[in-house]
């Protein structure tokens, strides 16, 4: 998985086993705490976690549909 210091926009696809939002990307999943499926978010990828990266939620760009 490539190292990145850049913020990323992504759509949360599902919830993971730990309750984090999961966004599928070309570089692997991003695990985003406090994010819900269907939300478009801006995140900062961090440490490698399993096959993906733990990520910090910076902003919810579009909320989850109700």
C-alpha atoms as a PDB file:
ATOM      1  CA  UNK A   1       0.000   0.000   0.000  1.00  0.00           C
ATOM      2  CA  UNK A   2       1.442   3.360  -1.034  1.00  0.00           C
ATOM      3  CA  UNK A   3       2.405   5.913   1.606  1.00  0.00           C
ATOM      4  CA  UNK A   4       0.340   9.096   1.465  1.00  0.00           C
ATOM      5  CA  UNK A   5       0.131  12.307   3.442  1.00  0.00           C
ATOM      6  CA  UNK A   6      -2.676  13.684   1.293  1.00  0.00           C
ATOM      7  CA  UNK A   7      -6.291  14.046   2.301  1.00  0.00           C
ATOM      8  CA  UNK A   8      -8.687  11.841   0.325  1.00  0.00           C
ATOM      9  CA  UNK A   9     -12.362  12.142  -0.578  1.00  0.00           C
ATOM     10  CA  UNK A  10     -14.191   8.825  -0.397  1.00  0.00           C
ATOM     11  CA  UNK A  11     -17.658   7.317  -0.054  1.00  0.00           C
ATOM     12  CA  UNK A  12     -18.303   5.043   2.918  1.00  0.00           C
ATOM     13  CA  UNK A  13     -19.528   1.688   1.588  1.00  0.00           C
ATOM     14  CA  UNK A  14     -20.202  -0.266   4.782  1.00  0.00           C
ATOM     15  CA  UNK A  15     -19.494  -0.620   8.496  1.00  0.00           C
ATOM     16  CA  UNK A  16     -16.566  -2.749   9.623  1.00  0.00           C
ATOM     17  CA  UNK A  17     -16.409  -5.221  12.509  1.00  0.00           C
ATOM     18  CA  UNK A  18     -15.217  -2.465  14.890  1.00  0.00           C
ATOM     19  CA  UNK A  19     -18.039  -0.119  13.857  1.00  0.00           C
ATOM     20  CA  UNK A  20     -15.872   2.119  11.673  1.00  0.00           C
ATOM     21  CA  UNK A  21     -17.059   3.237   8.258  1.00  0.00           C
ATOM     22  CA  UNK A  22     -15.223   1.432   5.449  1.00  0.00           C
ATOM     23  CA  UNK A  23     -14.423   3.119   2.139  1.00  0.00           C
ATOM     24  CA  UNK A  24     -13.100   0.875  -0.627  1.00  0.00           C
ATOM     25  CA  UNK A  25     -10.262   2.470  -2.617  1.00  0.00           C
ATOM     26  CA  UNK A  26      -7.810   1.291  -5.269  1.00  0.00           C
ATOM     27  CA  UNK A  27      -5.138   1.142  -2.537  1.00  0.00           C
ATOM     28  CA  UNK A  28      -7.307  -0.896  -0.160  1.00  0.00           C
ATOM     29  CA  UNK A  29      -9.933  -0.098   2.453  1.00  0.00           C
ATOM     30  CA  UNK A  30      -9.926   3.018   4.609  1.00  0.00           C
ATOM     31  CA  UNK A  31     -11.342   2.559   8.122  1.00  0.00           C
ATOM     32  CA  UNK A  32     -13.047   5.779   9.235  1.00  0.00           C
ATOM     33  CA  UNK A  33     -14.456   6.155  12.765  1.00  0.00           C
ATOM     34  CA  UNK A  34     -17.732   8.114  13.129  1.00  0.00           C
ATOM     35  CA  UNK A  35     -18.615   7.726   9.415  1.00  0.00           C
ATOM     36  CA  UNK A  36     -21.796   6.090   8.101  1.00  0.00           C
ATOM     37  CA  UNK A  37     -22.525   4.140   4.901  1.00  0.00           C
ATOM     38  CA  UNK A  38     -23.487   6.469   2.063  1.00  0.00           C
ATOM     39  CA  UNK A  39     -21.573   9.479   3.386  1.00  0.00           C
ATOM     40  CA  UNK A  40     -19.025  11.239   1.192  1.00  0.00           C
ATOM     41  CA  UNK A  41     -16.153  12.217   3.470  1.00  0.00           C
ATOM     42  CA  UNK A  42     -12.721  13.827   3.477  1.00  0.00           C
ATOM     43  CA  UNK A  43     -10.198  11.760   5.439  1.00  0.00           C
ATOM     44  CA  UNK A  44      -6.502  11.665   6.248  1.00  0.00           C
ATOM     45  CA  UNK A  45      -5.113   8.114   5.923  1.00  0.00           C
ATOM     46  CA  UNK A  46      -2.894   7.006   8.789  1.00  0.00           C
ATOM     47  CA  UNK A  47      -1.327   3.802  10.047  1.00  0.00           C
ATOM     48  CA  UNK A  48      -1.681   0.495   8.232  1.00  0.00           C
ATOM     49  CA  UNK A  49      -4.419  -1.649   9.806  1.00  0.00           C
ATOM     50  CA  UNK A  50      -4.818  -5.135   8.352  1.00  0.00           C
ATOM     51  CA  UNK A  51      -5.238  -4.828   4.577  1.00  0.00           C
ATOM     52  CA  UNK A  52      -6.125  -1.109   4.788  1.00  0.00           C
ATOM     53  CA  UNK A  53      -5.459   2.088   6.710  1.00  0.00           C
ATOM     54  CA  UNK A  54      -6.922   3.635   9.816  1.00  0.00           C
ATOM     55  CA  UNK A  55      -8.043   7.128   8.796  1.00  0.00           C
ATOM     56  CA  UNK A  56      -8.999  10.358  10.528  1.00  0.00           C
ATOM     57  CA  UNK A  57     -12.372  11.852   9.592  1.00  0.00           C
ATOM     58  CA  UNK A  58     -11.801  15.495   8.649  1.00  0.00           C
ATOM     59  CA  UNK A  59     -15.173  16.457   7.179  1.00  0.00           C
ATOM     60  CA  UNK A  60     -18.500  14.976   6.108  1.00  0.00           C
ATOM     61  CA  UNK A  61     -19.046  16.426   2.627  1.00  0.00           C
ATOM     62  CA  UNK A  62     -22.433  14.774   1.995  1.00  0.00           C
ATOM     63  CA  UNK A  63     -24.365  13.154   4.863  1.00  0.00           C
ATOM     64  CA  UNK A  64     -25.781   9.652   4.686  1.00  0.00           C
ATOM     65  CA  UNK A  65     -29.177   9.389   3.006  1.00  0.00           C
ATOM     66  CA  UNK A  66     -32.066   9.104   5.439  1.00  0.00           C
END
